[in-house]
Amino acid sequence: MDTRKIVLLIGALLVAAITAFMARSLISGSPAPVAGAAVAAPIDGPEVLVATRALPVGTILDATALKFQPWPKELVQGAYYIKADTNVQALQGTVVRSAITAGQPITQGALVKPGDRGFLAAALGAGMRAVTIPISAQAGVAGFVFPGDRIDLILTQEVPGGGDGPALKTSETIMRNLRVLATDQRTDNTVGEDGKTQVRGFSNVTIEATPKIAEQIAVAQTLGTLSLSLRSIADNNTELEQAIANGDIKVPETDDPKAEKAMMARLAAQPVTGNNTYAVGADVSRFQRRSVPGKPAEAQTSAPAAPMVTGPAYPGAPPPVAAGPVVRVARGNTVTQVAVGGKN
């Protein structure tokens, strides 16, 4: 090969190597491009009161259902609750009159305040009734029951029976998952100067019930003493299994989370009666009774034995009939009727 060509080839290779090295240095030395995060433009408007979750009709508002959120000033309406002019604590205990979706601004016309006409009717669910029952301070969980809470109703009574012994003392849970609407005349959670909810005793409580449960509560007040048992917010698993077994709740056929959430919402708002649990005096103390006292032995009189009737008087004749319950004894062609309690 010609020497000149060899020299040109070597020179070209050197130039290519130098160019590649310089390009690599430039690439490695330059900072990697960083994807800039999209920053939302701040909303130019006041903070308005919105719902943190879906609020169906009849919901009694608490602190967790409300929050303030910036809202475009051109979309702000006069019926909105503006942060600068709103006391959120004063809205606790109000009732939702029209359904509000999560994140929707709350309007003044959508709420009914305690003391307004139609407040209690707005708090009631469809087909439900309001029932007021008297209770003592001890039976009212020392005042720690507020509107919107869920309670169980316990009936305590004495069953005398027919004997002279001490009466049977018993207590049973007759209704479960009842919603509290008001205590005495208070339908809001009063907040003190320290920002904490004030706990006060009460002698009457108004609860939400179906028409049938309302009738049962009216009868229960004549039987004994009624007490309240405060329920946990998450205490619905047992009722769910029982409702599914009884057919009161239909399990959705699909795995739609919305359908399951709707099923749980129906269960949480459904009062339960039947399948009562109970305790008697002997379950607490060995000196108490376990059953209703019966009649003393000396007061029990036995009826005289009925005469034995034999028959028949002639072959083929029907046997004579004895009065009262009888036992027929067949000996060959002879049928003997013996009254219950008699002797053969």
Protein backbone atom coordinates (compact mmCIF):
# COMPACT_ATOMS: atom_id res chain seq x y z
CA MET A 1 0.00 0.00 0.00
CA ASP A 2 1.12 3.52 -0.71
CA THR A 3 2.78 5.20 2.29
CA ARG A 4 0.80 8.36 1.73
CA LYS A 5 -2.48 6.48 2.04
CA ILE A 6 -1.34 4.81 5.24
CA VAL A 7 -0.47 8.14 6.79
CA LEU A 8 -3.83 9.63 5.81
CA LEU A 9 -5.69 6.62 7.29
CA ILE A 10 -3.81 6.85 10.58
CA GLY A 11 -4.48 10.57 10.74
CA ALA A 12 -8.21 10.05 10.16
CA LEU A 13 -8.37 7.47 12.94
CA LEU A 14 -6.64 9.82 15.35
CA VAL A 15 -9.02 12.64 14.51
CA ALA A 16 -12.02 10.32 15.02
CA ALA A 17 -10.68 9.11 18.38
CA ILE A 18 -10.05 12.63 19.60
CA THR A 19 -13.52 13.75 18.51
CA ALA A 20 -15.20 10.82 20.27
CA PHE A 21 -13.26 11.49 23.48
CA MET A 22 -14.19 15.18 23.49
CA ALA A 23 -17.86 14.39 22.83
CA ARG A 24 -17.91 11.91 25.71
CA SER A 25 -16.35 14.43 28.06
CA LEU A 26 -18.95 17.03 27.13
CA ILE A 27 -21.83 14.59 27.68
CA SER A 28 -20.59 13.28 31.04
CA GLY A 29 -19.77 16.75 32.31
CA SER A 30 -23.16 18.30 31.54
CA PRO A 31 -25.84 17.89 34.23
CA ALA A 32 -28.68 15.48 33.46
CA PRO A 33 -31.95 17.18 32.56
CA VAL A 34 -34.37 17.24 35.50
CA ALA A 35 -38.06 16.91 34.84
CA GLY A 36 -39.67 19.92 36.37
CA ALA A 37 -42.66 19.13 38.59
CA ALA A 38 -45.86 20.78 37.55
CA VAL A 39 -46.72 23.34 40.16
CA ALA A 40 -50.37 24.19 40.40
CA ALA A 41 -51.12 27.85 40.31
CA PRO A 42 -52.43 29.12 43.64
CA ILE A 43 -56.18 29.67 43.78
CA ASP A 44 -57.05 33.31 43.95
CA GLY A 45 -60.02 33.32 46.28
CA PRO A 46 -61.22 33.01 49.88
CA GLU A 47 -61.41 29.78 51.88
CA VAL A 48 -64.92 28.31 51.97
CA LEU A 49 -66.38 25.48 54.05
CA VAL A 50 -66.59 22.15 52.20
CA ALA A 51 -67.59 18.60 53.12
CA THR A 52 -64.77 16.16 53.81
CA ARG A 53 -67.03 13.19 52.93
CA ALA A 54 -70.44 12.50 51.45
CA LEU A 55 -73.15 13.81 53.78
CA PRO A 56 -76.58 12.26 53.18
CA VAL A 57 -79.81 13.84 54.36
CA GLY A 58 -80.20 13.71 58.14
CA THR A 59 -76.47 13.64 58.96
CA ILE A 60 -75.61 15.34 62.23
CA LEU A 61 -72.41 17.29 61.57
CA ASP A 62 -69.29 16.94 63.69
CA ALA A 63 -65.78 18.39 63.46
CA THR A 64 -64.56 15.66 61.09
CA ALA A 65 -67.20 16.40 58.44
CA LEU A 66 -66.07 19.98 57.69
CA LYS A 67 -62.95 21.79 56.52
CA PHE A 68 -61.98 25.07 54.83
CA GLN A 69 -60.57 25.03 51.31
CA PRO A 70 -59.49 27.83 48.92
CA TRP A 71 -62.09 28.51 46.24
CA PRO A 72 -61.92 30.64 43.06
CA LYS A 73 -63.34 34.04 43.88
CA GLU A 74 -65.40 34.16 40.70
CA LEU A 75 -67.22 30.96 41.79
CA VAL A 76 -67.92 32.00 45.38
CA GLN A 77 -71.61 32.42 46.11
CA GLY A 78 -73.25 34.42 48.85
CA ALA A 79 -74.67 31.29 50.51
CA TYR A 80 -71.19 29.80 51.12
CA TYR A 81 -69.60 29.78 54.57
CA ILE A 82 -66.49 32.00 54.33
CA LYS A 83 -63.70 31.29 56.83
CA ALA A 84 -63.41 34.91 57.91
CA ASP A 85 -67.09 35.05 58.87
CA THR A 86 -67.75 31.49 60.09
CA ASN A 87 -67.51 29.81 63.49
CA VAL A 88 -67.13 26.10 62.71
CA GLN A 89 -67.82 25.06 66.29
CA ALA A 90 -71.25 26.67 66.08
CA LEU A 91 -72.09 24.44 63.11
CA GLN A 92 -71.42 21.21 64.98
CA GLY A 93 -74.71 19.51 65.74
CA THR A 94 -76.52 20.99 62.75
CA VAL A 95 -78.36 18.61 60.43
CA VAL A 96 -77.97 18.20 56.68
CA ARG A 97 -81.28 18.98 54.96
CA SER A 98 -80.14 18.26 51.38
CA ALA A 99 -77.46 15.75 50.31
CA ILE A 100 -73.90 17.08 49.99
CA THR A 101 -71.13 15.32 48.05
CA ALA A 102 -67.52 15.12 49.21
CA GLY A 103 -65.61 18.33 48.42
CA GLN A 104 -68.76 20.32 47.69
CA PRO A 105 -69.11 23.75 49.34
CA ILE A 106 -71.71 23.80 52.09
CA THR A 107 -74.48 26.32 51.67
CA GLN A 108 -76.49 27.88 54.46
CA GLY A 109 -79.73 26.51 53.04
CA ALA A 110 -78.41 22.93 53.19
CA LEU A 111 -78.21 22.92 57.01
CA VAL A 112 -80.82 23.11 59.74
CA LYS A 113 -79.64 24.51 63.06
CA PRO A 114 -80.81 23.38 66.50
CA GLY A 115 -83.90 25.30 67.50
CA ASP A 116 -85.04 25.90 63.93
CA ARG A 117 -88.48 24.68 62.93
CA GLY A 118 -88.31 21.22 61.37
CA PHE A 119 -84.89 20.45 62.86
CA LEU A 120 -85.87 17.08 64.34
CA ALA A 121 -87.86 16.08 61.26
CA ALA A 122 -84.82 16.81 59.09
CA ALA A 123 -82.61 14.70 61.36
CA LEU A 124 -84.86 11.65 60.97
CA GLY A 125 -84.18 9.17 58.20
CA ALA A 126 -86.88 8.04 55.79
CA GLY A 127 -89.51 5.94 57.58
CA MET A 128 -87.98 6.53 61.03
CA ARG A 129 -89.51 7.92 64.21
CA ALA A 130 -88.18 9.95 67.16
CA VAL A 131 -88.71 8.44 70.64
CA THR A 132 -87.80 10.11 73.94
CA ILE A 133 -87.04 7.96 76.98
CA PRO A 134 -86.17 8.97 80.56
CA ILE A 135 -82.89 7.72 82.00
CA SER A 136 -80.76 8.36 85.06
CA ALA A 137 -77.27 9.87 85.06
CA GLN A 138 -75.69 6.45 85.61
CA ALA A 139 -77.81 4.90 82.84
CA GLY A 140 -76.79 7.65 80.41
CA VAL A 141 -73.04 6.80 80.35
CA ALA A 142 -72.37 9.75 82.67
CA GLY A 143 -73.28 12.27 79.98
CA PHE A 144 -70.77 11.03 77.41
CA VAL A 145 -73.50 10.38 74.82
CA PHE A 146 -73.90 13.09 72.19
CA PRO A 147 -76.20 13.59 69.20
CA GLY A 148 -75.07 11.38 66.34
CA ASP A 149 -73.69 8.61 68.58
CA ARG A 150 -74.92 5.02 68.31
CA ILE A 151 -76.15 3.21 71.42
CA ASP A 152 -77.63 -0.10 72.57
CA LEU A 153 -80.71 -0.10 74.82
CA ILE A 154 -80.65 -2.31 77.94
CA LEU A 155 -83.74 -3.26 79.97
CA THR A 156 -83.29 -4.17 83.66
CA GLN A 157 -86.26 -5.69 85.51
CA GLU A 158 -87.36 -8.08 88.27
CA VAL A 159 -89.47 -11.14 87.44
CA PRO A 160 -91.41 -12.23 90.56
CA GLY A 161 -92.82 -15.51 89.22
CA GLY A 162 -95.49 -17.44 91.19
CA GLY A 163 -93.63 -18.23 94.39
CA ASP A 164 -92.72 -16.49 97.63
CA GLY A 165 -88.97 -16.43 97.00
CA PRO A 166 -86.96 -13.40 95.86
CA ALA A 167 -87.69 -12.18 92.35
CA LEU A 168 -85.39 -13.01 89.45
CA LYS A 169 -83.19 -10.02 88.61
CA THR A 170 -82.37 -9.83 84.92
CA SER A 171 -80.93 -7.43 82.37
CA GLU A 172 -81.05 -7.82 78.58
CA THR A 173 -80.04 -5.88 75.49
CA ILE A 174 -83.33 -5.37 73.68
CA MET A 175 -82.26 -2.97 70.85
CA ARG A 176 -78.94 -2.24 69.18
CA ASN A 177 -77.43 0.40 66.90
CA LEU A 178 -79.89 3.18 67.71
CA ARG A 179 -78.88 6.72 66.72
CA VAL A 180 -79.07 9.49 69.31
CA LEU A 181 -80.85 12.60 68.04
CA ALA A 182 -80.84 14.77 71.17
CA THR A 183 -80.26 14.72 74.91
CA ASP A 184 -82.88 16.66 76.86
CA GLN A 185 -83.33 19.85 74.82
CA ARG A 186 -79.73 19.87 73.56
CA THR A 187 -79.11 18.89 69.96
CA ASP A 188 -75.57 20.25 69.67
CA ASN A 189 -72.21 19.46 71.22
CA THR A 190 -71.55 22.52 73.38
CA VAL A 191 -67.91 23.61 73.33
CA GLY A 192 -66.37 25.45 76.28
CA GLU A 193 -63.87 28.28 76.34
CA ASP A 194 -60.99 25.80 76.31
CA GLY A 195 -62.17 24.39 72.96
CA LYS A 196 -63.25 21.05 74.45
CA THR A 197 -66.73 19.58 74.31
CA GLN A 198 -68.57 20.11 77.58
CA VAL A 199 -69.94 16.96 79.24
CA ARG A 200 -73.25 17.47 81.03
CA GLY A 201 -75.69 15.05 82.57
CA PHE A 202 -79.16 14.62 81.16
CA SER A 203 -82.39 12.92 82.18
CA ASN A 204 -83.97 12.34 78.75
CA VAL A 205 -82.62 11.12 75.45
CA THR A 206 -84.30 11.18 72.05
CA ILE A 207 -83.37 8.36 69.70
CA GLU A 208 -84.21 7.36 66.14
CA ALA A 209 -86.18 4.13 65.71
CA THR A 210 -88.42 2.30 63.29
CA PRO A 211 -92.18 2.37 64.03
CA LYS A 212 -92.03 -1.20 65.40
CA ILE A 213 -89.05 -0.47 67.64
CA ALA A 214 -90.79 2.69 68.86
CA GLU A 215 -93.73 0.55 70.02
CA GLN A 216 -91.39 -1.90 71.75
CA ILE A 217 -89.59 0.94 73.56
CA ALA A 218 -92.93 2.27 74.80
CA VAL A 219 -93.71 -1.15 76.30
CA ALA A 220 -90.18 -1.56 77.70
CA GLN A 221 -90.56 1.64 79.74
CA THR A 222 -93.40 -0.01 81.67
CA LEU A 223 -91.40 -3.19 82.41
CA GLY A 224 -88.33 -1.85 84.17
CA THR A 225 -85.40 0.56 83.91
CA LEU A 226 -83.77 1.48 80.59
CA SER A 227 -80.04 2.11 80.27
CA LEU A 228 -77.78 3.21 77.42
CA SER A 229 -74.69 1.39 76.21
CA LEU A 230 -72.43 3.48 73.96
CA ARG A 231 -71.27 1.65 70.83
CA SER A 232 -67.91 1.84 69.10
CA ILE A 233 -67.82 3.47 65.67
CA ALA A 234 -66.31 0.32 64.11
CA ASP A 235 -68.60 -2.16 65.89
CA ASN A 236 -70.51 -3.48 62.88
CA ASN A 237 -68.90 -6.82 61.97
CA THR A 238 -71.24 -8.93 64.11
CA GLU A 239 -74.31 -7.11 62.84
CA LEU A 240 -73.10 -7.53 59.25
CA GLU A 241 -72.83 -11.30 59.57
CA GLN A 242 -76.23 -11.50 61.28
CA ALA A 243 -77.87 -9.25 58.68
CA ILE A 244 -76.48 -11.32 55.81
CA ALA A 245 -77.67 -14.54 57.47
CA ASN A 246 -81.18 -13.12 57.97
CA GLY A 247 -81.34 -11.75 54.44
CA ASP A 248 -81.74 -8.16 55.63
CA ILE A 249 -78.65 -7.09 53.68
CA LYS A 250 -77.90 -8.31 50.16
CA VAL A 251 -74.25 -8.89 49.36
CA PRO A 252 -73.30 -7.30 46.01
CA GLU A 253 -72.59 -9.84 43.29
CA THR A 254 -69.62 -7.90 41.95
CA ASP A 255 -66.47 -6.66 43.67
CA ASP A 256 -67.48 -3.03 43.19
CA PRO A 257 -66.05 -1.03 46.12
CA LYS A 258 -68.89 1.49 45.84
CA ALA A 259 -71.50 -1.26 46.23
CA GLU A 260 -69.71 -2.65 49.29
CA LYS A 261 -69.44 0.85 50.78
CA ALA A 262 -73.17 1.41 50.20
CA MET A 263 -73.93 -1.92 51.89
CA MET A 264 -71.90 -0.94 54.96
CA ALA A 265 -73.60 2.46 55.05
CA ARG A 266 -77.04 0.81 55.08
CA LEU A 267 -75.93 -1.50 57.87
CA ALA A 268 -74.48 1.34 59.95
CA ALA A 269 -77.80 3.20 59.79
CA GLN A 270 -80.05 0.22 60.52
CA PRO A 271 -81.41 -0.34 64.06
CA VAL A 272 -81.41 -3.97 65.16
CA THR A 273 -83.82 -5.86 67.41
CA GLY A 274 -84.30 -9.53 68.29
CA ASN A 275 -81.74 -12.18 69.28
CA ASN A 276 -81.45 -10.47 72.65
CA THR A 277 -78.54 -11.20 74.94
CA TYR A 278 -79.23 -11.23 78.68
CA ALA A 279 -77.75 -11.79 82.13
CA VAL A 280 -79.48 -12.88 85.36
CA GLY A 281 -78.59 -12.36 88.99
CA ALA A 282 -76.79 -15.70 89.28
CA ASP A 283 -74.39 -14.67 86.50
CA VAL A 284 -73.12 -11.90 88.82
CA SER A 285 -73.51 -13.34 92.32
CA ARG A 286 -73.88 -16.87 93.63
CA PHE A 287 -76.46 -15.62 96.11
CA GLN A 288 -78.90 -14.59 93.38
CA ARG A 289 -81.44 -16.65 91.49
CA ARG A 290 -80.96 -18.17 88.04
CA SER A 291 -84.63 -18.85 87.30
CA VAL A 292 -88.06 -17.47 88.12
CA PRO A 293 -89.26 -18.65 91.59
CA GLY A 294 -91.83 -21.41 91.40
CA LYS A 295 -94.78 -22.19 93.68
CA PRO A 296 -94.00 -23.74 97.10
CA ALA A 297 -94.43 -27.50 97.35
CA GLU A 298 -97.25 -27.24 99.93
CA ALA A 299 -99.21 -24.97 97.62
CA GLN A 300 -99.20 -27.52 94.84
CA THR A 301 -102.34 -29.70 95.08
CA SER A 302 -102.69 -32.83 93.05
CA ALA A 303 -106.01 -33.63 91.42
CA PRO A 304 -107.65 -36.92 92.40
CA ALA A 305 -106.93 -39.79 90.09
CA ALA A 306 -109.65 -40.34 87.52
CA PRO A 307 -111.35 -43.71 87.69
CA MET A 308 -110.10 -46.34 85.31
CA VAL A 309 -112.56 -47.13 82.59
CA THR A 310 -112.59 -50.62 81.14
CA GLY A 311 -114.50 -51.79 78.16
CA PRO A 312 -115.92 -52.74 75.84
CA ALA A 313 -119.26 -53.98 77.22
CA TYR A 314 -119.72 -56.33 74.25
CA PRO A 315 -117.48 -57.56 71.42
CA GLY A 316 -117.08 -54.89 68.74
CA ALA A 317 -118.45 -52.06 70.85
CA PRO A 318 -116.35 -48.86 70.97
CA PRO A 319 -114.55 -48.33 74.24
CA PRO A 320 -116.07 -45.81 76.64
CA VAL A 321 -114.52 -42.35 76.50
CA ALA A 322 -113.00 -40.88 79.67
CA ALA A 323 -112.97 -37.15 80.28
CA GLY A 324 -109.64 -35.38 79.92
CA PRO A 325 -106.35 -36.70 78.52
CA VAL A 326 -106.20 -40.51 78.54
CA VAL A 327 -103.82 -43.34 77.70
CA ARG A 328 -105.29 -46.40 75.94
CA VAL A 329 -103.92 -49.82 76.92
CA ALA A 330 -104.87 -52.80 74.72
CA ARG A 331 -104.86 -56.31 76.25
CA GLY A 332 -106.08 -58.66 73.56
CA ASN A 333 -109.62 -57.60 72.67
CA THR A 334 -109.91 -55.45 75.77
CA VAL A 335 -109.00 -51.75 75.58
CA THR A 336 -108.48 -49.90 78.83
CA GLN A 337 -108.48 -46.10 79.01
CA VAL A 338 -106.51 -44.60 81.89
CA ALA A 339 -106.76 -40.89 82.56
CA VAL A 340 -103.42 -39.08 82.81
CA GLY A 341 -102.46 -39.12 86.49
CA GLY A 342 -104.54 -42.21 87.23
CA LYS A 343 -103.40 -45.74 88.09
CA ASN A 344 -103.83 -48.93 86.12
